[in-house]
Amino acid sequence: MFGDMMNMMGKLKETQQKVEDTKKRLDTVLVDESSSDNKLKITLTANRTIKSIEIADELLQDKEELEDYLIITLNKAIEKATKINEAELAAVAKEGMPNIPGMDLFK
């Protein structure tokens, strides 16, 4: 039994390292999102760090319109990045979880 606990602890530590490695890798995964008319383009990482924003000159003439574009497009980009982030981290966590009877967390 003690050996099983040590094995489980080792597996959890290994999984924790894989999760950290995955988080670092997600800093290199880029997510692009554009407004429907391509007047605004946003790139961020799967860890939700904004890398670039491209704004068409015509949007610079209307502050309110630009704000609306930013809110809509940023929210779509963040949602897309969050889905990638959560899927990647869940896959690593599920792969590394020890098989504990009654603890089937990832069905």
PDB file of N, CA and C in Angstrom:
ATOM      1  N   MET A   1       0.822  -1.206   0.000  1.00  0.00           N
ATOM      2  CA  MET A   1       0.000   0.000   0.000  1.00  0.00           C
ATOM      3  C   MET A   1       0.860   1.261   0.000  1.00  0.00           C
ATOM      4  N   PHE A   2       1.932   1.242   0.808  1.00  0.00           N
ATOM      5  CA  PHE A   2       2.793   2.419   0.870  1.00  0.00           C
ATOM      6  C   PHE A   2       3.453   2.676  -0.488  1.00  0.00           C
ATOM      7  N   GLY A   3       3.831   1.573  -1.160  1.00  0.00           N
ATOM      8  CA  GLY A   3       4.417   1.706  -2.492  1.00  0.00           C
ATOM      9  C   GLY A   3       3.436   2.309  -3.479  1.00  0.00           C
ATOM     10  N   ASP A   4       2.164   1.932  -3.354  1.00  0.00           N
ATOM     11  CA  ASP A   4       1.130   2.500  -4.219  1.00  0.00           C
ATOM     12  C   ASP A   4       1.004   4.006  -3.998  1.00  0.00           C
ATOM     13  N   MET A   5       1.068   4.413  -2.734  1.00  0.00           N
ATOM     14  CA  MET A   5       0.970   5.856  -2.418  1.00  0.00           C
ATOM     15  C   MET A   5       2.162   6.609  -2.999  1.00  0.00           C
ATOM     16  N   MET A   6       3.342   6.050  -2.873  1.00  0.00           N
ATOM     17  CA  MET A   6       4.542   6.694  -3.415  1.00  0.00           C
ATOM     18  C   MET A   6       4.453   6.775  -4.940  1.00  0.00           C
ATOM     19  N   ASN A   7       3.964   5.715  -5.556  1.00  0.00           N
ATOM     20  CA  ASN A   7       3.790   5.694  -7.000  1.00  0.00           C
ATOM     21  C   ASN A   7       2.797   6.772  -7.432  1.00  0.00           C
ATOM     22  N   MET A   8       1.686   6.876  -6.672  1.00  0.00           N
ATOM     23  CA  MET A   8       0.669   7.887  -6.974  1.00  0.00           C
ATOM     24  C   MET A   8       1.238   9.297  -6.828  1.00  0.00           C
ATOM     25  N   MET A   9       2.007   9.521  -5.765  1.00  0.00           N
ATOM     26  CA  MET A   9       2.602  10.843  -5.539  1.00  0.00           C
ATOM     27  C   MET A   9       3.570  11.198  -6.665  1.00  0.00           C
ATOM     28  N   GLY A  10       4.326  10.203  -7.102  1.00  0.00           N
ATOM     29  CA  GLY A  10       5.245  10.436  -8.216  1.00  0.00           C
ATOM     30  C   GLY A  10       4.499  10.782  -9.485  1.00  0.00           C
ATOM     31  N   LYS A  11       3.408  10.091  -9.731  1.00  0.00           N
ATOM     32  CA  LYS A  11       2.597  10.345 -10.928  1.00  0.00           C
ATOM     33  C   LYS A  11       1.970  11.742 -10.868  1.00  0.00           C
ATOM     34  N   LEU A  12       1.518  12.141  -9.681  1.00  0.00           N
ATOM     35  CA  LEU A  12       0.942  13.477  -9.529  1.00  0.00           C
ATOM     36  C   LEU A  12       1.994  14.554  -9.769  1.00  0.00           C
ATOM     37  N   LYS A  13       3.202  14.337  -9.269  1.00  0.00           N
ATOM     38  CA  LYS A  13       4.286  15.305  -9.475  1.00  0.00           C
ATOM     39  C   LYS A  13       4.630  15.398 -10.965  1.00  0.00           C
ATOM     40  N   GLU A  14       4.652  14.261 -11.624  1.00  0.00           N
ATOM     41  CA  GLU A  14       4.917  14.223 -13.064  1.00  0.00           C
ATOM     42  C   GLU A  14       3.822  14.969 -13.834  1.00  0.00           C
ATOM     43  N   THR A  15       2.586  14.751 -13.437  1.00  0.00           N
ATOM     44  CA  THR A  15       1.462  15.437 -14.077  1.00  0.00           C
ATOM     45  C   THR A  15       1.549  16.939 -13.857  1.00  0.00           C
ATOM     46  N   GLN A  16       1.915  17.334 -12.649  1.00  0.00           N
ATOM     47  CA  GLN A  16       2.059  18.764 -12.345  1.00  0.00           C
ATOM     48  C   GLN A  16       3.104  19.397 -13.266  1.00  0.00           C
ATOM     49  N   GLN A  17       4.212  18.687 -13.504  1.00  0.00           N
ATOM     50  CA  GLN A  17       5.245  19.203 -14.400  1.00  0.00           C
ATOM     51  C   GLN A  17       4.720  19.296 -15.828  1.00  0.00           C
ATOM     52  N   LYS A  18       3.945  18.299 -16.257  1.00  0.00           N
ATOM     53  CA  LYS A  18       3.367  18.327 -17.604  1.00  0.00           C
ATOM     54  C   LYS A  18       2.403  19.501 -17.763  1.00  0.00           C
ATOM     55  N   VAL A  19       1.637  19.784 -16.712  1.00  0.00           N
ATOM     56  CA  VAL A  19       0.711  20.924 -16.754  1.00  0.00           C
ATOM     57  C   VAL A  19       1.510  22.220 -16.905  1.00  0.00           C
ATOM     58  N   GLU A  20       2.586  22.371 -16.141  1.00  0.00           N
ATOM     59  CA  GLU A  20       3.421  23.574 -16.247  1.00  0.00           C
ATOM     60  C   GLU A  20       4.035  23.693 -17.646  1.00  0.00           C
ATOM     61  N   ASP A  21       4.506  22.569 -18.186  1.00  0.00           N
ATOM     62  CA  ASP A  21       5.069  22.576 -19.545  1.00  0.00           C
ATOM     63  C   ASP A  21       4.010  22.969 -20.571  1.00  0.00           C
ATOM     64  N   THR A  22       2.795  22.472 -20.389  1.00  0.00           N
ATOM     65  CA  THR A  22       1.698  22.799 -21.302  1.00  0.00           C
ATOM     66  C   THR A  22       1.373  24.285 -21.227  1.00  0.00           C
ATOM     67  N   LYS A  23       1.357  24.849 -20.026  1.00  0.00           N
ATOM     68  CA  LYS A  23       1.096  26.290 -19.876  1.00  0.00           C
ATOM     69  C   LYS A  23       2.145  27.103 -20.623  1.00  0.00           C
ATOM     70  N   LYS A  24       3.402  26.702 -20.533  1.00  0.00           N
ATOM     71  CA  LYS A  24       4.465  27.412 -21.262  1.00  0.00           C
ATOM     72  C   LYS A  24       4.260  27.297 -22.766  1.00  0.00           C
ATOM     73  N   ARG A  25       3.900  26.083 -23.216  1.00  0.00           N
ATOM     74  CA  ARG A  25       3.671  25.866 -24.645  1.00  0.00           C
ATOM     75  C   ARG A  25       2.502  26.703 -25.154  1.00  0.00           C
ATOM     76  N   LEU A  26       1.478  26.870 -24.316  1.00  0.00           N
ATOM     77  CA  LEU A  26       0.304  27.649 -24.721  1.00  0.00           C
ATOM     78  C   LEU A  26       0.646  29.127 -24.917  1.00  0.00           C
ATOM     79  N   ASP A  27       1.776  29.575 -24.380  1.00  0.00           N
ATOM     80  CA  ASP A  27       2.229  30.942 -24.647  1.00  0.00           C
ATOM     81  C   ASP A  27       2.661  31.102 -26.100  1.00  0.00           C
ATOM     82  N   THR A  28       2.938  29.990 -26.774  1.00  0.00           N
ATOM     83  CA  THR A  28       3.379  30.055 -28.167  1.00  0.00           C
ATOM     84  C   THR A  28       2.249  29.749 -29.152  1.00  0.00           C
ATOM     85  N   VAL A  29       1.090  29.321 -28.642  1.00  0.00           N
ATOM     86  CA  VAL A  29      -0.053  29.031 -29.501  1.00  0.00           C
ATOM     87  C   VAL A  29      -0.819  30.341 -29.722  1.00  0.00           C
ATOM     88  N   LEU A  30      -0.886  30.776 -30.968  1.00  0.00           N
ATOM     89  CA  LEU A  30      -1.534  32.048 -31.277  1.00  0.00           C
ATOM     90  C   LEU A  30      -2.960  31.839 -31.770  1.00  0.00           C
ATOM     91  N   VAL A  31      -3.838  32.716 -31.301  1.00  0.00           N
ATOM     92  CA  VAL A  31      -5.250  32.695 -31.679  1.00  0.00           C
ATOM     93  C   VAL A  31      -5.544  34.019 -32.385  1.00  0.00           C
ATOM     94  N   ASP A  32      -6.062  33.921 -33.595  1.00  0.00           N
ATOM     95  CA  ASP A  32      -6.410  35.117 -34.365  1.00  0.00           C
ATOM     96  C   ASP A  32      -7.922  35.268 -34.405  1.00  0.00           C
ATOM     97  N   GLU A  33      -8.370  36.498 -34.264  1.00  0.00           N
ATOM     98  CA  GLU A  33      -9.801  36.802 -34.375  1.00  0.00           C
ATOM     99  C   GLU A  33      -9.933  38.131 -35.105  1.00  0.00           C
ATOM    100  N   SER A  34     -10.928  38.221 -35.962  1.00  0.00           N
ATOM    101  CA  SER A  34     -11.182  39.446 -36.718  1.00  0.00           C
ATOM    102  C   SER A  34     -12.642  39.815 -36.599  1.00  0.00           C
ATOM    103  N   SER A  35     -12.917  41.106 -36.750  1.00  0.00           N
ATOM    104  CA  SER A  35     -14.310  41.534 -36.838  1.00  0.00           C
ATOM    105  C   SER A  35     -14.876  40.981 -38.140  1.00  0.00           C
ATOM    106  N   SER A  36     -16.176  40.928 -38.245  1.00  0.00           N
ATOM    107  CA  SER A  36     -16.806  40.331 -39.425  1.00  0.00           C
ATOM    108  C   SER A  36     -16.411  41.048 -40.730  1.00  0.00           C
ATOM    109  N   ASP A  37     -16.091  42.325 -40.646  1.00  0.00           N
ATOM    110  CA  ASP A  37     -15.687  43.074 -41.839  1.00  0.00           C
ATOM    111  C   ASP A  37     -14.172  43.279 -41.933  1.00  0.00           C
ATOM    112  N   ASN A  38     -13.433  42.620 -41.061  1.00  0.00           N
ATOM    113  CA  ASN A  38     -11.964  42.666 -41.030  1.00  0.00           C
ATOM    114  C   ASN A  38     -11.377  44.045 -40.749  1.00  0.00           C
ATOM    115  N   LYS A  39     -12.150  44.925 -40.148  1.00  0.00           N
ATOM    116  CA  LYS A  39     -11.622  46.244 -39.797  1.00  0.00           C
ATOM    117  C   LYS A  39     -10.779  46.189 -38.521  1.00  0.00           C
ATOM    118  N   LEU A  40     -10.930  45.114 -37.763  1.00  0.00           N
ATOM    119  CA  LEU A  40     -10.175  44.945 -36.527  1.00  0.00           C
ATOM    120  C   LEU A  40      -9.681  43.506 -36.466  1.00  0.00           C
ATOM    121  N   LYS A  41      -8.384  43.342 -36.226  1.00  0.00           N
ATOM    122  CA  LYS A  41      -7.792  42.013 -36.108  1.00  0.00           C
ATOM    123  C   LYS A  41      -7.007  41.948 -34.805  1.00  0.00           C
ATOM    124  N   ILE A  42      -7.216  40.851 -34.075  1.00  0.00           N
ATOM    125  CA  ILE A  42      -6.569  40.675 -32.781  1.00  0.00           C
ATOM    126  C   ILE A  42      -5.874  39.323 -32.753  1.00  0.00           C
ATOM    127  N   THR A  43      -4.676  39.301 -32.214  1.00  0.00           N
ATOM    128  CA  THR A  43      -3.945  38.053 -32.003  1.00  0.00           C
ATOM    129  C   THR A  43      -3.590  37.979 -30.529  1.00  0.00           C
ATOM    130  N   LEU A  44      -3.883  36.823 -29.921  1.00  0.00           N
ATOM    131  CA  LEU A  44      -3.484  36.594 -28.544  1.00  0.00           C
ATOM    132  C   LEU A  44      -3.012  35.160 -28.390  1.00  0.00           C
ATOM    133  N   THR A  45      -2.367  34.872 -27.270  1.00  0.00           N
ATOM    134  CA  THR A  45      -1.905  33.515 -27.016  1.00  0.00           C
ATOM    135  C   THR A  45      -3.049  32.708 -26.424  1.00  0.00           C
ATOM    136  N   ALA A  46      -2.872  31.382 -26.402  1.00  0.00           N
ATOM    137  CA  ALA A  46      -3.877  30.518 -25.781  1.00  0.00           C
ATOM    138  C   ALA A  46      -3.927  30.738 -24.266  1.00  0.00           C
ATOM    139  N   ASN A  47      -2.937  31.443 -23.726  1.00  0.00           N
ATOM    140  CA  ASN A  47      -2.966  31.854 -22.312  1.00  0.00           C
ATOM    141  C   ASN A  47      -3.592  33.233 -22.145  1.00  0.00           C
ATOM    142  N   ARG A  48      -4.187  33.737 -23.209  1.00  0.00           N
ATOM    143  CA  ARG A  48      -4.964  34.974 -23.200  1.00  0.00           C
ATOM    144  C   ARG A  48      -4.122  36.236 -22.977  1.00  0.00           C
ATOM    145  N   THR A  49      -2.928  36.253 -23.559  1.00  0.00           N
ATOM    146  CA  THR A  49      -2.099  37.447 -23.557  1.00  0.00           C
ATOM    147  C   THR A  49      -2.192  38.066 -24.946  1.00  0.00           C
ATOM    148  N   ILE A  50      -2.588  39.332 -25.012  1.00  0.00           N
ATOM    149  CA  ILE A  50      -2.739  40.006 -26.303  1.00  0.00           C
ATOM    150  C   ILE A  50      -1.362  40.239 -26.910  1.00  0.00           C
ATOM    151  N   LYS A  51      -1.203  39.827 -28.167  1.00  0.00           N
ATOM    152  CA  LYS A  51       0.059  39.994 -28.881  1.00  0.00           C
ATOM    153  C   LYS A  51       0.002  41.133 -29.888  1.00  0.00           C
ATOM    154  N   SER A  52      -1.147  41.300 -30.546  1.00  0.00           N
ATOM    155  CA  SER A  52      -1.247  42.400 -31.511  1.00  0.00           C
ATOM    156  C   SER A  52      -2.702  42.777 -31.746  1.00  0.00           C
ATOM    157  N   ILE A  53      -2.875  44.034 -32.119  1.00  0.00           N
ATOM    158  CA  ILE A  53      -4.185  44.556 -32.510  1.00  0.00           C
ATOM    159  C   ILE A  53      -3.964  45.413 -33.750  1.00  0.00           C
ATOM    160  N   GLU A  54      -4.695  45.103 -34.812  1.00  0.00           N
ATOM    161  CA  GLU A  54      -4.651  45.892 -36.042  1.00  0.00           C
ATOM    162  C   GLU A  54      -5.995  46.584 -36.217  1.00  0.00           C
ATOM    163  N   ILE A  55      -5.952  47.903 -36.399  1.00  0.00           N
ATOM    164  CA  ILE A  55      -7.178  48.693 -36.512  1.00  0.00           C
ATOM    165  C   ILE A  55      -7.170  49.433 -37.848  1.00  0.00           C
ATOM    166  N   ALA A  56      -8.241  49.263 -38.608  1.00  0.00           N
ATOM    167  CA  ALA A  56      -8.371  49.993 -39.883  1.00  0.00           C
ATOM    168  C   ALA A  56      -8.507  51.483 -39.587  1.00  0.00           C
ATOM    169  N   ASP A  57      -7.927  52.296 -40.442  1.00  0.00           N
ATOM    170  CA  ASP A  57      -7.933  53.748 -40.246  1.00  0.00           C
ATOM    171  C   ASP A  57      -9.339  54.320 -40.066  1.00  0.00           C
ATOM    172  N   GLU A  58     -10.316  53.781 -40.797  1.00  0.00           N
ATOM    173  CA  GLU A  58     -11.671  54.336 -40.711  1.00  0.00           C
ATOM    174  C   GLU A  58     -12.286  54.176 -39.318  1.00  0.00           C
ATOM    175  N   LEU A  59     -11.819  53.168 -38.559  1.00  0.00           N
ATOM    176  CA  LEU A  59     -12.343  52.994 -37.198  1.00  0.00           C
ATOM    177  C   LEU A  59     -11.804  54.059 -36.239  1.00  0.00           C
ATOM    178  N   LEU A  60     -10.702  54.665 -36.613  1.00  0.00           N
ATOM    179  CA  LEU A  60     -10.104  55.678 -35.741  1.00  0.00           C
ATOM    180  C   LEU A  60     -10.891  56.990 -35.746  1.00  0.00           C
ATOM    181  N   GLN A  61     -11.839  57.105 -36.645  1.00  0.00           N
ATOM    182  CA  GLN A  61     -12.634  58.329 -36.740  1.00  0.00           C
ATOM    183  C   GLN A  61     -13.799  58.357 -35.751  1.00  0.00           C
ATOM    184  N   ASP A  62     -14.186  57.178 -35.239  1.00  0.00           N
ATOM    185  CA  ASP A  62     -15.364  57.082 -34.381  1.00  0.00           C
ATOM    186  C   ASP A  62     -15.014  56.275 -33.127  1.00  0.00           C
ATOM    187  N   LYS A  63     -14.816  56.995 -32.026  1.00  0.00           N
ATOM    188  CA  LYS A  63     -14.389  56.375 -30.769  1.00  0.00           C
ATOM    189  C   LYS A  63     -15.361  55.296 -30.296  1.00  0.00           C
ATOM    190  N   GLU A  64     -16.651  55.574 -30.312  1.00  0.00           N
ATOM    191  CA  GLU A  64     -17.641  54.614 -29.840  1.00  0.00           C
ATOM    192  C   GLU A  64     -17.668  53.352 -30.699  1.00  0.00           C
ATOM    193  N   GLU A  65     -17.575  53.534 -32.003  1.00  0.00           N
ATOM    194  CA  GLU A  65     -17.567  52.386 -32.899  1.00  0.00           C
ATOM    195  C   GLU A  65     -16.327  51.518 -32.640  1.00  0.00           C
ATOM    196  N   LEU A  66     -15.175  52.165 -32.462  1.00  0.00           N
ATOM    197  CA  LEU A  66     -13.945  51.434 -32.171  1.00  0.00           C
ATOM    198  C   LEU A  66     -14.067  50.664 -30.858  1.00  0.00           C
ATOM    199  N   GLU A  67     -14.632  51.292 -29.843  1.00  0.00           N
ATOM    200  CA  GLU A  67     -14.824  50.618 -28.557  1.00  0.00           C
ATOM    201  C   GLU A  67     -15.715  49.385 -28.722  1.00  0.00           C
ATOM    202  N   ASP A  68     -16.795  49.522 -29.487  1.00  0.00           N
ATOM    203  CA  ASP A  68     -17.689  48.384 -29.733  1.00  0.00           C
ATOM    204  C   ASP A  68     -16.955  47.241 -30.442  1.00  0.00           C
ATOM    205  N   TYR A  69     -16.189  47.595 -31.470  1.00  0.00           N
ATOM    206  CA  TYR A  69     -15.416  46.600 -32.196  1.00  0.00           C
ATOM    207  C   TYR A  69     -14.441  45.878 -31.266  1.00  0.00           C
ATOM    208  N   LEU A  70     -13.748  46.644 -30.436  1.00  0.00           N
ATOM    209  CA  LEU A  70     -12.780  46.053 -29.512  1.00  0.00           C
ATOM    210  C   LEU A  70     -13.445  45.087 -28.538  1.00  0.00           C
ATOM    211  N   ILE A  71     -14.542  45.493 -27.971  1.00  0.00           N
ATOM    212  CA  ILE A  71     -15.237  44.647 -26.995  1.00  0.00           C
ATOM    213  C   ILE A  71     -15.693  43.347 -27.643  1.00  0.00           C
ATOM    214  N   ILE A  72     -16.357  43.439 -28.769  1.00  0.00           N
ATOM    215  CA  ILE A  72     -16.895  42.240 -29.437  1.00  0.00           C
ATOM    216  C   ILE A  72     -15.765  41.311 -29.878  1.00  0.00           C
ATOM    217  N   THR A  73     -14.766  41.862 -30.539  1.00  0.00           N
ATOM    218  CA  THR A  73     -13.703  41.039 -31.098  1.00  0.00           C
ATOM    219  C   THR A  73     -12.797  40.468 -30.009  1.00  0.00           C
ATOM    220  N   LEU A  74     -12.486  41.260 -28.996  1.00  0.00           N
ATOM    221  CA  LEU A  74     -11.681  40.743 -27.882  1.00  0.00           C
ATOM    222  C   LEU A  74     -12.403  39.623 -27.150  1.00  0.00           C
ATOM    223  N   ASN A  75     -13.688  39.801 -26.912  1.00  0.00           N
ATOM    224  CA  ASN A  75     -14.446  38.748 -26.223  1.00  0.00           C
ATOM    225  C   ASN A  75     -14.457  37.448 -27.028  1.00  0.00           C
ATOM    226  N   LYS A  76     -14.613  37.550 -28.345  1.00  0.00           N
ATOM    227  CA  LYS A  76     -14.594  36.348 -29.183  1.00  0.00           C
ATOM    228  C   LYS A  76     -13.215  35.689 -29.143  1.00  0.00           C
ATOM    229  N   ALA A  77     -12.166  36.492 -29.198  1.00  0.00           N
ATOM    230  CA  ALA A  77     -10.804  35.956 -29.167  1.00  0.00           C
ATOM    231  C   ALA A  77     -10.500  35.301 -27.825  1.00  0.00           C
ATOM    232  N   ILE A  78     -10.910  35.931 -26.744  1.00  0.00           N
ATOM    233  CA  ILE A  78     -10.676  35.377 -25.407  1.00  0.00           C
ATOM    234  C   ILE A  78     -11.439  34.065 -25.240  1.00  0.00           C
ATOM    235  N   GLU A  79     -12.656  34.012 -25.731  1.00  0.00           N
ATOM    236  CA  GLU A  79     -13.448  32.781 -25.646  1.00  0.00           C
ATOM    237  C   GLU A  79     -12.766  31.642 -26.406  1.00  0.00           C
ATOM    238  N   LYS A  80     -12.268  31.945 -27.601  1.00  0.00           N
ATOM    239  CA  LYS A  80     -11.590  30.947 -28.419  1.00  0.00           C
ATOM    240  C   LYS A  80     -10.307  30.462 -27.711  1.00  0.00           C
ATOM    241  N   ALA A  81      -9.533  31.391 -27.178  1.00  0.00           N
ATOM    242  CA  ALA A  81      -8.288  31.045 -26.479  1.00  0.00           C
ATOM    243  C   ALA A  81      -8.571  30.238 -25.221  1.00  0.00           C
ATOM    244  N   THR A  82      -9.629  30.586 -24.507  1.00  0.00           N
ATOM    245  CA  THR A  82      -9.992  29.872 -23.285  1.00  0.00           C
ATOM    246  C   THR A  82     -10.356  28.429 -23.591  1.00  0.00           C
ATOM    247  N   LYS A  83     -11.092  28.207 -24.668  1.00  0.00           N
ATOM    248  CA  LYS A  83     -11.462  26.834 -25.044  1.00  0.00           C
ATOM    249  C   LYS A  83     -10.218  26.001 -25.347  1.00  0.00           C
ATOM    250  N   ILE A  84      -9.276  26.576 -26.065  1.00  0.00           N
ATOM    251  CA  ILE A  84      -8.034  25.861 -26.381  1.00  0.00           C
ATOM    252  C   ILE A  84      -7.274  25.574 -25.088  1.00  0.00           C
ATOM    253  N   ASN A  85      -7.138  26.590 -24.253  1.00  0.00           N
ATOM    254  CA  ASN A  85      -6.412  26.470 -22.987  1.00  0.00           C
ATOM    255  C   ASN A  85      -7.007  25.372 -22.115  1.00  0.00           C
ATOM    256  N   GLU A  86      -8.306  25.418 -21.915  1.00  0.00           N
ATOM    257  CA  GLU A  86      -8.969  24.448 -21.040  1.00  0.00           C
ATOM    258  C   GLU A  86      -8.883  23.029 -21.603  1.00  0.00           C
ATOM    259  N   ALA A  87      -9.032  22.877 -22.904  1.00  0.00           N
ATOM    260  CA  ALA A  87      -8.960  21.552 -23.515  1.00  0.00           C
ATOM    261  C   ALA A  87      -7.558  20.957 -23.367  1.00  0.00           C
ATOM    262  N   GLU A  88      -6.543  21.759 -23.598  1.00  0.00           N
ATOM    263  CA  GLU A  88      -5.168  21.283 -23.491  1.00  0.00           C
ATOM    264  C   GLU A  88      -4.824  20.889 -22.056  1.00  0.00           C
ATOM    265  N   LEU A  89      -5.173  21.744 -21.108  1.00  0.00           N
ATOM    266  CA  LEU A  89      -4.853  21.459 -19.710  1.00  0.00           C
ATOM    267  C   LEU A  89      -5.660  20.278 -19.178  1.00  0.00           C
ATOM    268  N   ALA A  90      -6.914  20.161 -19.590  1.00  0.00           N
ATOM    269  CA  ALA A  90      -7.739  19.035 -19.149  1.00  0.00           C
ATOM    270  C   ALA A  90      -7.185  17.717 -19.683  1.00  0.00           C
ATOM    271  N   ALA A  91      -6.698  17.736 -20.923  1.00  0.00           N
ATOM    272  CA  ALA A  91      -6.140  16.519 -21.512  1.00  0.00           C
ATOM    273  C   ALA A  91      -4.908  16.065 -20.736  1.00  0.00           C
ATOM    274  N   VAL A  92      -4.049  16.997 -20.368  1.00  0.00           N
ATOM    275  CA  VAL A  92      -2.844  16.660 -19.614  1.00  0.00           C
ATOM    276  C   VAL A  92      -3.220  16.161 -18.221  1.00  0.00           C
ATOM    277  N   ALA A  93      -4.153  16.832 -17.584  1.00  0.00           N
ATOM    278  CA  ALA A  93      -4.564  16.444 -16.231  1.00  0.00           C
ATOM    279  C   ALA A  93      -5.213  15.062 -16.235  1.00  0.00           C
ATOM    280  N   LYS A  94      -6.065  14.815 -17.208  1.00  0.00           N
ATOM    281  CA  LYS A  94      -6.751  13.519 -17.284  1.00  0.00           C
ATOM    282  C   LYS A  94      -5.748  12.396 -17.518  1.00  0.00           C
ATOM    283  N   GLU A  95      -4.805  12.637 -18.397  1.00  0.00           N
ATOM    284  CA  GLU A  95      -3.786  11.644 -18.724  1.00  0.00           C
ATOM    285  C   GLU A  95      -2.955  11.271 -17.490  1.00  0.00           C
ATOM    286  N   GLY A  96      -2.719  12.238 -16.620  1.00  0.00           N
ATOM    287  CA  GLY A  96      -1.832  12.004 -15.500  1.00  0.00           C
ATOM    288  C   GLY A  96      -2.497  11.645 -14.190  1.00  0.00           C
ATOM    289  N   MET A  97      -3.811  11.608 -14.174  1.00  0.00           N
ATOM    290  CA  MET A  97      -4.494  11.287 -12.917  1.00  0.00           C
ATOM    291  C   MET A  97      -4.337   9.813 -12.579  1.00  0.00           C
ATOM    292  N   PRO A  98      -4.017   9.524 -11.331  1.00  0.00           N
ATOM    293  CA  PRO A  98      -3.942   8.116 -10.938  1.00  0.00           C
ATOM    294  C   PRO A  98      -5.331   7.488 -10.950  1.00  0.00           C
ATOM    295  N   ASN A  99      -5.370   6.193 -11.146  1.00  0.00           N
ATOM    296  CA  ASN A  99      -6.655   5.472 -11.188  1.00  0.00           C
ATOM    297  C   ASN A  99      -7.086   5.166  -9.752  1.00  0.00           C
ATOM    298  N   ILE A 100      -7.937   6.021  -9.196  1.00  0.00           N
ATOM    299  CA  ILE A 100      -8.436   5.849  -7.849  1.00  0.00           C
ATOM    300  C   ILE A 100      -9.901   5.418  -7.952  1.00  0.00           C
ATOM    301  N   PRO A 101     -10.230   4.241  -7.450  1.00  0.00           N
ATOM    302  CA  PRO A 101     -11.612   3.773  -7.542  1.00  0.00           C
ATOM    303  C   PRO A 101     -12.603   4.800  -6.946  1.00  0.00           C
ATOM    304  N   GLY A 102     -13.674   5.049  -7.685  1.00  0.00           N
ATOM    305  CA  GLY A 102     -14.698   5.984  -7.209  1.00  0.00           C
ATOM    306  C   GLY A 102     -14.366   7.442  -7.489  1.00  0.00           C
ATOM    307  N   MET A 103     -13.220   7.719  -8.077  1.00  0.00           N
ATOM    308  CA  MET A 103     -12.812   9.106  -8.338  1.00  0.00           C
ATOM    309  C   MET A 103     -12.681   9.352  -9.847  1.00  0.00           C
ATOM    310  N   ASP A 104     -13.696   8.938 -10.593  1.00  0.00           N
ATOM    311  CA  ASP A 104     -13.676   9.107 -12.040  1.00  0.00           C
ATOM    312  C   ASP A 104     -14.103  10.545 -12.374  1.00  0.00           C
ATOM    313  N   LEU A 105     -13.175  11.486 -12.245  1.00  0.00           N
ATOM    314  CA  LEU A 105     -13.479  12.905 -12.379  1.00  0.00           C
ATOM    315  C   LEU A 105     -13.656  13.352 -13.823  1.00  0.00           C
ATOM    316  N   PHE A 106     -13.030  12.670 -14.753  1.00  0.00           N
ATOM    317  CA  PHE A 106     -13.012  13.132 -16.136  1.00  0.00           C
ATOM    318  C   PHE A 106     -13.738  12.144 -17.044  1.00  0.00           C
ATOM    319  N   LYS A 107     -15.026  12.097 -16.971  1.00  0.00           N
ATOM    320  CA  LYS A 107     -15.802  11.208 -17.839  1.00  0.00           C
ATOM    321  C   LYS A 107     -16.083  11.868 -19.146  1.00  0.00           C
TER     322      LYS A 107
END
